[in-house]
PDB file of N, CA and C in Angstrom:
ATOM      1  N   MET A   1     -39.078  41.803 143.629  1.00  0.00           N
ATOM      2  CA  MET A   1     -38.535  42.020 141.874  1.00  0.00           C
ATOM      3  C   MET A   1     -37.465  43.613 141.989  1.00  0.00           C
ATOM      4  N   ARG A   2     -36.654  43.486 141.214  1.00  0.00           N
ATOM      5  CA  ARG A   2     -36.131  45.074 140.624  1.00  0.00           C
ATOM      6  C   ARG A   2     -36.941  45.769 139.475  1.00  0.00           C
ATOM      7  N   ILE A   3     -37.010  47.146 139.193  1.00  0.00           N
ATOM      8  CA  ILE A   3     -37.409  47.669 137.990  1.00  0.00           C
ATOM      9  C   ILE A   3     -36.547  49.007 138.050  1.00  0.00           C
ATOM     10  N   GLY A   4     -36.533  49.160 136.684  1.00  0.00           N
ATOM     11  CA  GLY A   4     -35.648  50.227 136.101  1.00  0.00           C
ATOM     12  C   GLY A   4     -36.562  51.391 135.229  1.00  0.00           C
ATOM     13  N   ILE A   5     -36.550  52.287 135.055  1.00  0.00           N
ATOM     14  CA  ILE A   5     -37.141  53.163 134.173  1.00  0.00           C
ATOM     15  C   ILE A   5     -37.070  54.379 133.642  1.00  0.00           C
ATOM     16  N   SER A   6     -36.133  54.271 132.549  1.00  0.00           N
ATOM     17  CA  SER A   6     -35.375  55.414 131.960  1.00  0.00           C
ATOM     18  C   SER A   6     -36.234  56.511 132.137  1.00  0.00           C
ATOM     19  N   VAL A   7     -35.336  58.107 132.695  1.00  0.00           N
ATOM     20  CA  VAL A   7     -35.782  59.118 132.745  1.00  0.00           C
ATOM     21  C   VAL A   7     -34.400  60.044 131.552  1.00  0.00           C
ATOM     22  N   LEU A   8     -35.232  60.837 131.074  1.00  0.00           N
ATOM     23  CA  LEU A   8     -33.935  61.627 130.341  1.00  0.00           C
ATOM     24  C   LEU A   8     -33.761  63.201 130.933  1.00  0.00           C
ATOM     25  N   THR A   9     -32.588  63.267 132.189  1.00  0.00           N
ATOM     26  CA  THR A   9     -32.943  64.342 132.979  1.00  0.00           C
ATOM     27  C   THR A   9     -32.067  65.421 131.940  1.00  0.00           C
ATOM     28  N   PHE A  10     -32.278  66.814 132.609  1.00  0.00           N
ATOM     29  CA  PHE A  10     -31.780  68.180 131.459  1.00  0.00           C
ATOM     30  C   PHE A  10     -32.107  69.024 132.360  1.00  0.00           C
ATOM     31  N   GLU A  11     -31.115  70.456 132.493  1.00  0.00           N
ATOM     32  CA  GLU A  11     -31.561  71.532 133.414  1.00  0.00           C
ATOM     33  C   GLU A  11     -32.704  71.929 133.169  1.00  0.00           C
ATOM     34  N   GLY A  12     -32.626  72.993 134.572  1.00  0.00           N
ATOM     35  CA  GLY A  12     -33.851  73.425 134.243  1.00  0.00           C
ATOM     36  C   GLY A  12     -35.597  72.248 134.562  1.00  0.00           C
ATOM     37  N   GLN A  13     -35.141  70.938 134.499  1.00  0.00           N
ATOM     38  CA  GLN A  13     -36.019  70.383 133.930  1.00  0.00           C
ATOM     39  C   GLN A  13     -37.069  70.320 135.237  1.00  0.00           C
ATOM     40  N   ASN A  14     -38.492  69.903 134.827  1.00  0.00           N
ATOM     41  CA  ASN A  14     -40.039  70.743 135.729  1.00  0.00           C
ATOM     42  C   ASN A  14     -40.836  69.197 135.552  1.00  0.00           C
ATOM     43  N   ILE A  15     -40.379  68.680 136.512  1.00  0.00           N
ATOM     44  CA  ILE A  15     -41.950  67.472 136.254  1.00  0.00           C
ATOM     45  C   ILE A  15     -43.565  67.642 135.555  1.00  0.00           C
ATOM     46  N   TRP A  16     -43.836  69.212 134.984  1.00  0.00           N
ATOM     47  CA  TRP A  16     -45.227  69.166 134.465  1.00  0.00           C
ATOM     48  C   TRP A  16     -44.535  70.137 133.017  1.00  0.00           C
ATOM     49  N   SER A  17     -42.931  69.986 132.837  1.00  0.00           N
ATOM     50  CA  SER A  17     -42.711  70.169 131.345  1.00  0.00           C
ATOM     51  C   SER A  17     -43.217  69.614 130.367  1.00  0.00           C
ATOM     52  N   ASN A  18     -43.785  68.367 130.680  1.00  0.00           N
ATOM     53  CA  ASN A  18     -43.986  67.200 129.583  1.00  0.00           C
ATOM     54  C   ASN A  18     -44.776  66.148 130.299  1.00  0.00           C
ATOM     55  N   GLY A  19     -46.122  65.391 129.875  1.00  0.00           N
ATOM     56  CA  GLY A  19     -46.874  64.598 130.411  1.00  0.00           C
ATOM     57  C   GLY A  19     -45.912  63.054 130.574  1.00  0.00           C
ATOM     58  N   LEU A  20     -44.670  63.098 129.530  1.00  0.00           N
ATOM     59  CA  LEU A  20     -44.172  61.719 130.018  1.00  0.00           C
ATOM     60  C   LEU A  20     -43.354  61.664 131.270  1.00  0.00           C
ATOM     61  N   GLY A  21     -42.327  63.104 131.245  1.00  0.00           N
ATOM     62  CA  GLY A  21     -42.421  63.084 132.963  1.00  0.00           C
ATOM     63  C   GLY A  21     -42.759  62.356 134.243  1.00  0.00           C
ATOM     64  N   GLN A  22     -43.903  63.677 134.181  1.00  0.00           N
ATOM     65  CA  GLN A  22     -44.716  63.105 134.679  1.00  0.00           C
ATOM     66  C   GLN A  22     -45.185  61.223 134.835  1.00  0.00           C
ATOM     67  N   ASN A  23     -45.505  60.324 134.011  1.00  0.00           N
ATOM     68  CA  ASN A  23     -45.819  59.518 133.543  1.00  0.00           C
ATOM     69  C   ASN A  23     -44.394  58.792 134.054  1.00  0.00           C
ATOM     70  N   VAL A  24     -43.777  58.732 134.110  1.00  0.00           N
ATOM     71  CA  VAL A  24     -42.486  57.839 134.675  1.00  0.00           C
ATOM     72  C   VAL A  24     -42.306  58.394 136.257  1.00  0.00           C
ATOM     73  N   PHE A  25     -43.010  59.310 136.681  1.00  0.00           N
ATOM     74  CA  PHE A  25     -42.607  59.208 137.910  1.00  0.00           C
ATOM     75  C   PHE A  25     -43.805  59.096 138.832  1.00  0.00           C
ATOM     76  N   HIS A  26     -44.486  59.002 138.356  1.00  0.00           N
ATOM     77  CA  HIS A  26     -46.053  58.783 138.957  1.00  0.00           C
ATOM     78  C   HIS A  26     -46.084  56.401 138.842  1.00  0.00           C
ATOM     79  N   LEU A  27     -45.277  56.263 138.090  1.00  0.00           N
ATOM     80  CA  LEU A  27     -45.380  54.935 137.470  1.00  0.00           C
ATOM     81  C   LEU A  27     -44.724  54.652 138.565  1.00  0.00           C
ATOM     82  N   GLY A  28     -43.430  55.198 138.809  1.00  0.00           N
ATOM     83  CA  GLY A  28     -41.768  54.856 139.595  1.00  0.00           C
ATOM     84  C   GLY A  28     -42.972  54.688 141.460  1.00  0.00           C
ATOM     85  N   ARG A  29     -43.491  55.073 141.639  1.00  0.00           N
ATOM     86  CA  ARG A  29     -44.233  55.647 142.656  1.00  0.00           C
ATOM     87  C   ARG A  29     -45.051  54.838 143.374  1.00  0.00           C
ATOM     88  N   VAL A  30     -46.116  54.318 141.801  1.00  0.00           N
ATOM     89  CA  VAL A  30     -47.088  52.934 142.452  1.00  0.00           C
ATOM     90  C   VAL A  30     -46.086  52.023 142.707  1.00  0.00           C
ATOM     91  N   LEU A  31     -45.260  51.713 141.540  1.00  0.00           N
ATOM     92  CA  LEU A  31     -44.432  50.447 141.761  1.00  0.00           C
ATOM     93  C   LEU A  31     -43.445  49.968 142.869  1.00  0.00           C
ATOM     94  N   GLN A  32     -43.131  51.360 143.201  1.00  0.00           N
ATOM     95  CA  GLN A  32     -43.264  50.981 145.043  1.00  0.00           C
ATOM     96  C   GLN A  32     -44.044  50.633 146.085  1.00  0.00           C
ATOM     97  N   SER A  33     -44.678  50.703 145.682  1.00  0.00           N
ATOM     98  CA  SER A  33     -46.271  50.137 147.184  1.00  0.00           C
ATOM     99  C   SER A  33     -46.866  48.652 146.382  1.00  0.00           C
ATOM    100  N   ILE A  34     -45.620  48.435 145.331  1.00  0.00           N
ATOM    101  CA  ILE A  34     -46.546  46.578 144.857  1.00  0.00           C
ATOM    102  C   ILE A  34     -45.560  46.315 146.345  1.00  0.00           C
ATOM    103  N   PRO A  35     -46.283  45.031 147.026  1.00  0.00           N
ATOM    104  CA  PRO A  35     -45.011  44.168 147.417  1.00  0.00           C
ATOM    105  C   PRO A  35     -44.274  43.227 147.589  1.00  0.00           C
ATOM    106  N   PHE A  36     -44.415  42.512 145.459  1.00  0.00           N
ATOM    107  CA  PHE A  36     -43.282  41.352 145.320  1.00  0.00           C
ATOM    108  C   PHE A  36     -41.934  42.601 144.928  1.00  0.00           C
ATOM    109  N   VAL A  37     -42.438  43.561 144.207  1.00  0.00           N
ATOM    110  CA  VAL A  37     -41.370  45.092 144.026  1.00  0.00           C
ATOM    111  C   VAL A  37     -39.990  45.235 145.097  1.00  0.00           C
ATOM    112  N   THR A  38     -39.105  45.041 145.189  1.00  0.00           N
ATOM    113  CA  THR A  38     -38.265  45.204 145.872  1.00  0.00           C
ATOM    114  C   THR A  38     -37.341  46.549 145.835  1.00  0.00           C
ATOM    115  N   ASP A  39     -37.293  46.612 144.800  1.00  0.00           N
ATOM    116  CA  ASP A  39     -36.300  48.072 144.630  1.00  0.00           C
ATOM    117  C   ASP A  39     -36.932  48.867 142.945  1.00  0.00           C
ATOM    118  N   VAL A  40     -37.143  50.170 142.808  1.00  0.00           N
ATOM    119  CA  VAL A  40     -37.647  51.029 141.610  1.00  0.00           C
ATOM    120  C   VAL A  40     -36.752  52.209 141.650  1.00  0.00           C
ATOM    121  N   VAL A  41     -35.728  51.789 140.608  1.00  0.00           N
ATOM    122  CA  VAL A  41     -34.828  53.105 140.071  1.00  0.00           C
ATOM    123  C   VAL A  41     -35.032  53.562 138.577  1.00  0.00           C
ATOM    124  N   LEU A  42     -34.466  54.647 138.842  1.00  0.00           N
ATOM    125  CA  LEU A  42     -34.434  55.780 137.909  1.00  0.00           C
ATOM    126  C   LEU A  42     -33.382  55.368 136.905  1.00  0.00           C
ATOM    127  N   LEU A  43     -33.187  55.778 135.801  1.00  0.00           N
ATOM    128  CA  LEU A  43     -32.482  55.101 134.871  1.00  0.00           C
ATOM    129  C   LEU A  43     -32.101  56.288 134.045  1.00  0.00           C
ATOM    130  N   ASN A  44     -30.988  56.718 134.352  1.00  0.00           N
ATOM    131  CA  ASN A  44     -30.495  58.499 133.822  1.00  0.00           C
ATOM    132  C   ASN A  44     -30.262  58.214 132.866  1.00  0.00           C
ATOM    133  N   CYS A  45     -31.218  58.782 131.778  1.00  0.00           N
ATOM    134  CA  CYS A  45     -30.225  58.479 130.140  1.00  0.00           C
ATOM    135  C   CYS A  45     -29.740  60.041 130.012  1.00  0.00           C
ATOM    136  N   GLY A  46     -30.120  61.240 130.643  1.00  0.00           N
ATOM    137  CA  GLY A  46     -29.407  62.854 130.088  1.00  0.00           C
ATOM    138  C   GLY A  46     -28.202  63.154 131.121  1.00  0.00           C
ATOM    139  N   ASP A  47     -27.969  64.556 131.380  1.00  0.00           N
ATOM    140  CA  ASP A  47     -26.731  65.002 131.259  1.00  0.00           C
ATOM    141  C   ASP A  47     -26.781  65.714 132.692  1.00  0.00           C
ATOM    142  N   GLN A  48     -27.717  65.211 133.752  1.00  0.00           N
ATOM    143  CA  GLN A  48     -27.526  65.866 135.238  1.00  0.00           C
ATOM    144  C   GLN A  48     -27.677  64.380 135.734  1.00  0.00           C
ATOM    145  N   ALA A  49     -26.600  64.504 136.671  1.00  0.00           N
ATOM    146  CA  ALA A  49     -25.819  63.717 138.128  1.00  0.00           C
ATOM    147  C   ALA A  49     -27.314  63.529 139.236  1.00  0.00           C
ATOM    148  N   THR A  50     -28.178  64.348 139.327  1.00  0.00           N
ATOM    149  CA  THR A  50     -29.068  64.340 140.495  1.00  0.00           C
ATOM    150  C   THR A  50     -30.771  64.698 139.801  1.00  0.00           C
ATOM    151  N   LEU A  51     -31.688  64.698 140.514  1.00  0.00           N
ATOM    152  CA  LEU A  51     -33.041  65.310 139.464  1.00  0.00           C
ATOM    153  C   LEU A  51     -32.934  66.415 140.859  1.00  0.00           C
ATOM    154  N   SER A  52     -33.007  67.649 140.977  1.00  0.00           N
ATOM    155  CA  SER A  52     -33.601  68.906 141.626  1.00  0.00           C
ATOM    156  C   SER A  52     -34.894  68.346 142.780  1.00  0.00           C
ATOM    157  N   GLU A  53     -35.049  69.242 143.357  1.00  0.00           N
ATOM    158  CA  GLU A  53     -36.931  68.760 144.166  1.00  0.00           C
ATOM    159  C   GLU A  53     -37.712  70.059 143.351  1.00  0.00           C
ATOM    160  N   ALA A  54     -37.122  70.534 142.321  1.00  0.00           N
ATOM    161  CA  ALA A  54     -37.636  71.825 141.249  1.00  0.00           C
ATOM    162  C   ALA A  54     -38.501  70.457 140.140  1.00  0.00           C
ATOM    163  N   ALA A  55     -37.353  69.633 139.856  1.00  0.00           N
ATOM    164  CA  ALA A  55     -37.884  68.640 138.552  1.00  0.00           C
ATOM    165  C   ALA A  55     -38.854  67.155 138.924  1.00  0.00           C
ATOM    166  N   ALA A  56     -38.642  66.880 140.139  1.00  0.00           N
ATOM    167  CA  ALA A  56     -39.540  65.901 140.653  1.00  0.00           C
ATOM    168  C   ALA A  56     -39.669  66.373 142.246  1.00  0.00           C
ATOM    169  N   PRO A  57     -40.631  67.676 142.389  1.00  0.00           N
ATOM    170  CA  PRO A  57     -41.030  67.224 143.941  1.00  0.00           C
ATOM    171  C   PRO A  57     -42.012  66.069 144.882  1.00  0.00           C
ATOM    172  N   GLY A  58     -41.193  65.578 145.626  1.00  0.00           N
ATOM    173  CA  GLY A  58     -41.781  64.586 146.363  1.00  0.00           C
ATOM    174  C   GLY A  58     -41.151  63.110 145.939  1.00  0.00           C
ATOM    175  N   PHE A  59     -40.916  62.986 144.966  1.00  0.00           N
ATOM    176  CA  PHE A  59     -40.376  62.253 144.402  1.00  0.00           C
ATOM    177  C   PHE A  59     -38.765  61.690 144.391  1.00  0.00           C
ATOM    178  N   GLN A  60     -38.331  62.007 145.938  1.00  0.00           N
ATOM    179  CA  GLN A  60     -37.388  61.933 146.108  1.00  0.00           C
ATOM    180  C   GLN A  60     -36.588  60.575 146.569  1.00  0.00           C
ATOM    181  N   THR A  61     -38.182  59.733 147.060  1.00  0.00           N
ATOM    182  CA  THR A  61     -37.724  57.916 146.903  1.00  0.00           C
ATOM    183  C   THR A  61     -37.027  57.678 145.477  1.00  0.00           C
ATOM    184  N   LEU A  62     -37.221  57.848 144.680  1.00  0.00           N
ATOM    185  CA  LEU A  62     -37.475  57.380 143.462  1.00  0.00           C
ATOM    186  C   LEU A  62     -35.272  57.824 143.431  1.00  0.00           C
ATOM    187  N   ARG A  63     -34.610  57.022 143.390  1.00  0.00           N
ATOM    188  CA  ARG A  63     -33.200  57.655 143.122  1.00  0.00           C
ATOM    189  C   ARG A  63     -32.677  57.423 141.830  1.00  0.00           C
ATOM    190  N   LEU A  64     -32.309  58.024 141.304  1.00  0.00           N
ATOM    191  CA  LEU A  64     -31.198  58.212 140.061  1.00  0.00           C
ATOM    192  C   LEU A  64     -29.597  57.485 139.398  1.00  0.00           C
ATOM    193  N   VAL A  65     -29.693  56.151 138.693  1.00  0.00           N
ATOM    194  CA  VAL A  65     -28.710  55.593 138.865  1.00  0.00           C
ATOM    195  C   VAL A  65     -28.200  56.053 137.221  1.00  0.00           C
ATOM    196  N   LYS A  66     -27.224  55.366 136.756  1.00  0.00           N
ATOM    197  CA  LYS A  66     -27.193  54.872 135.413  1.00  0.00           C
ATOM    198  C   LYS A  66     -26.744  53.779 135.405  1.00  0.00           C
ATOM    199  N   PRO A  67     -27.589  53.908 133.349  1.00  0.00           N
ATOM    200  CA  PRO A  67     -28.083  52.439 132.999  1.00  0.00           C
ATOM    201  C   PRO A  67     -26.994  51.115 132.789  1.00  0.00           C
ATOM    202  N   ARG A  68     -25.904  51.500 133.225  1.00  0.00           N
ATOM    203  CA  ARG A  68     -25.304  50.385 133.314  1.00  0.00           C
ATOM    204  C   ARG A  68     -24.835  49.761 134.099  1.00  0.00           C
ATOM    205  N   GLU A  69     -25.038  50.750 135.838  1.00  0.00           N
ATOM    206  CA  GLU A  69     -25.338  50.415 136.946  1.00  0.00           C
ATOM    207  C   GLU A  69     -26.144  49.925 137.553  1.00  0.00           C
ATOM    208  N   ALA A  70     -27.191  49.639 136.430  1.00  0.00           N
ATOM    209  CA  ALA A  70     -28.280  49.173 137.499  1.00  0.00           C
ATOM    210  C   ALA A  70     -28.912  48.395 136.675  1.00  0.00           C
ATOM    211  N   ALA A  71     -28.525  47.595 135.554  1.00  0.00           N
ATOM    212  CA  ALA A  71     -28.533  46.746 134.352  1.00  0.00           C
ATOM    213  C   ALA A  71     -28.576  44.658 135.644  1.00  0.00           C
ATOM    214  N   ALA A  72     -27.148  45.227 135.783  1.00  0.00           N
ATOM    215  CA  ALA A  72     -26.813  44.228 136.388  1.00  0.00           C
ATOM    216  C   ALA A  72     -27.894  43.877 137.868  1.00  0.00           C
ATOM    217  N   ARG A  73     -28.683  45.103 138.106  1.00  0.00           N
ATOM    218  CA  ARG A  73     -29.502  44.867 139.335  1.00  0.00           C
ATOM    219  C   ARG A  73     -31.123  44.774 139.133  1.00  0.00           C
ATOM    220  N   SER A  74     -31.108  45.054 137.943  1.00  0.00           N
ATOM    221  CA  SER A  74     -32.737  44.926 137.954  1.00  0.00           C
ATOM    222  C   SER A  74     -33.492  44.141 136.904  1.00  0.00           C
ATOM    223  N   ALA A  75     -34.473  43.904 137.426  1.00  0.00           N
ATOM    224  CA  ALA A  75     -35.506  42.563 136.632  1.00  0.00           C
ATOM    225  C   ALA A  75     -36.065  43.195 135.137  1.00  0.00           C
ATOM    226  N   VAL A  76     -36.392  43.768 135.618  1.00  0.00           N
ATOM    227  CA  VAL A  76     -36.709  45.312 134.291  1.00  0.00           C
ATOM    228  C   VAL A  76     -36.710  46.355 133.662  1.00  0.00           C
ATOM    229  N   MET A  77     -36.281  46.340 132.454  1.00  0.00           N
ATOM    230  CA  MET A  77     -36.168  47.816 132.255  1.00  0.00           C
ATOM    231  C   MET A  77     -37.155  48.315 131.472  1.00  0.00           C
ATOM    232  N   GLU A  78     -37.758  49.537 131.809  1.00  0.00           N
ATOM    233  CA  GLU A  78     -38.540  50.384 130.569  1.00  0.00           C
ATOM    234  C   GLU A  78     -38.220  51.298 130.111  1.00  0.00           C
ATOM    235  N   ALA A  79     -37.494  51.326 128.525  1.00  0.00           N
ATOM    236  CA  ALA A  79     -36.752  52.040 128.250  1.00  0.00           C
ATOM    237  C   ALA A  79     -37.997  53.060 127.492  1.00  0.00           C
ATOM    238  N   MET A  80     -37.915  54.405 127.812  1.00  0.00           N
ATOM    239  CA  MET A  80     -38.971  55.516 127.405  1.00  0.00           C
ATOM    240  C   MET A  80     -37.417  56.597 126.668  1.00  0.00           C
ATOM    241  N   TYR A  81     -36.334  56.147 126.407  1.00  0.00           N
ATOM    242  CA  TYR A  81     -35.286  57.106 126.535  1.00  0.00           C
ATOM    243  C   TYR A  81     -36.155  57.663 125.298  1.00  0.00           C
ATOM    244  N   GLN A  82     -36.335  57.136 123.755  1.00  0.00           N
ATOM    245  CA  GLN A  82     -36.175  58.164 122.057  1.00  0.00           C
ATOM    246  C   GLN A  82     -37.466  59.012 122.700  1.00  0.00           C
ATOM    247  N   SER A  83     -38.632  58.577 123.012  1.00  0.00           N
ATOM    248  CA  SER A  83     -39.884  59.733 123.479  1.00  0.00           C
ATOM    249  C   SER A  83     -39.367  60.453 124.768  1.00  0.00           C
ATOM    250  N   ALA A  84     -38.795  60.253 124.829  1.00  0.00           N
ATOM    251  CA  ALA A  84     -38.409  61.642 126.207  1.00  0.00           C
ATOM    252  C   ALA A  84     -36.931  62.651 125.777  1.00  0.00           C
ATOM    253  N   LYS A  85     -36.294  61.482 124.562  1.00  0.00           N
ATOM    254  CA  LYS A  85     -35.285  62.803 123.387  1.00  0.00           C
ATOM    255  C   LYS A  85     -36.303  63.515 122.859  1.00  0.00           C
ATOM    256  N   GLN A  86     -37.289  62.847 122.190  1.00  0.00           N
ATOM    257  CA  GLN A  86     -38.281  63.577 121.140  1.00  0.00           C
ATOM    258  C   GLN A  86     -39.264  64.924 122.127  1.00  0.00           C
ATOM    259  N   GLN A  87     -39.465  64.466 123.298  1.00  0.00           N
ATOM    260  CA  GLN A  87     -40.627  65.590 124.192  1.00  0.00           C
ATOM    261  C   GLN A  87     -39.348  66.187 124.371  1.00  0.00           C
ATOM    262  N   GLN A  88     -38.015  66.351 125.215  1.00  0.00           N
ATOM    263  CA  GLN A  88     -37.187  67.383 125.819  1.00  0.00           C
ATOM    264  C   GLN A  88     -36.970  68.473 124.724  1.00  0.00           C
ATOM    265  N   ALA A  89     -36.647  67.945 123.423  1.00  0.00           N
ATOM    266  CA  ALA A  89     -36.712  68.388 121.969  1.00  0.00           C
ATOM    267  C   ALA A  89     -37.578  69.756 121.752  1.00  0.00           C
ATOM    268  N   MET A  90     -39.003  69.583 122.509  1.00  0.00           N
ATOM    269  CA  MET A  90     -40.015  70.530 122.146  1.00  0.00           C
ATOM    270  C   MET A  90     -39.985  71.188 123.516  1.00  0.00           C
ATOM    271  N   VAL A  91     -39.754  71.103 124.729  1.00  0.00           N
ATOM    272  CA  VAL A  91     -39.854  71.715 125.835  1.00  0.00           C
ATOM    273  C   VAL A  91     -39.185  72.086 126.450  1.00  0.00           C
ATOM    274  N   LYS A  92     -37.363  72.004 126.004  1.00  0.00           N
ATOM    275  CA  LYS A  92     -36.237  72.534 126.745  1.00  0.00           C
ATOM    276  C   LYS A  92     -36.384  73.983 126.062  1.00  0.00           C
ATOM    277  N   PRO A  93     -35.781  75.054 127.122  1.00  0.00           N
ATOM    278  CA  PRO A  93     -35.090  75.906 126.620  1.00  0.00           C
ATOM    279  C   PRO A  93     -33.956  76.109 125.532  1.00  0.00           C
ATOM    280  N   GLN A  94     -33.844  77.161 124.855  1.00  0.00           N
ATOM    281  CA  GLN A  94     -32.888  77.009 124.623  1.00  0.00           C
ATOM    282  C   GLN A  94     -32.039  78.000 124.503  1.00  0.00           C
TER     283      GLN A  94
END
């Protein structure tokens, strides 16, 4: 099974900036440990091309891909985009 989880990337992102971001990264790691899961990717719904080490330290095994690229390859796609957008508005520095 191939799984995609949406994540909102933004400048200055840090895994500790909100709970949703923490849950996305930890869920991805847990899903990678399930034997029948063959691939877990993060669906990039934000404006950054890559995840920096500061954004998600230790989670670089989770690949960041555009949702359009993953649609044909993922059996399950979990969308957390709207919630992420709302949380980003609360924590993103102006």
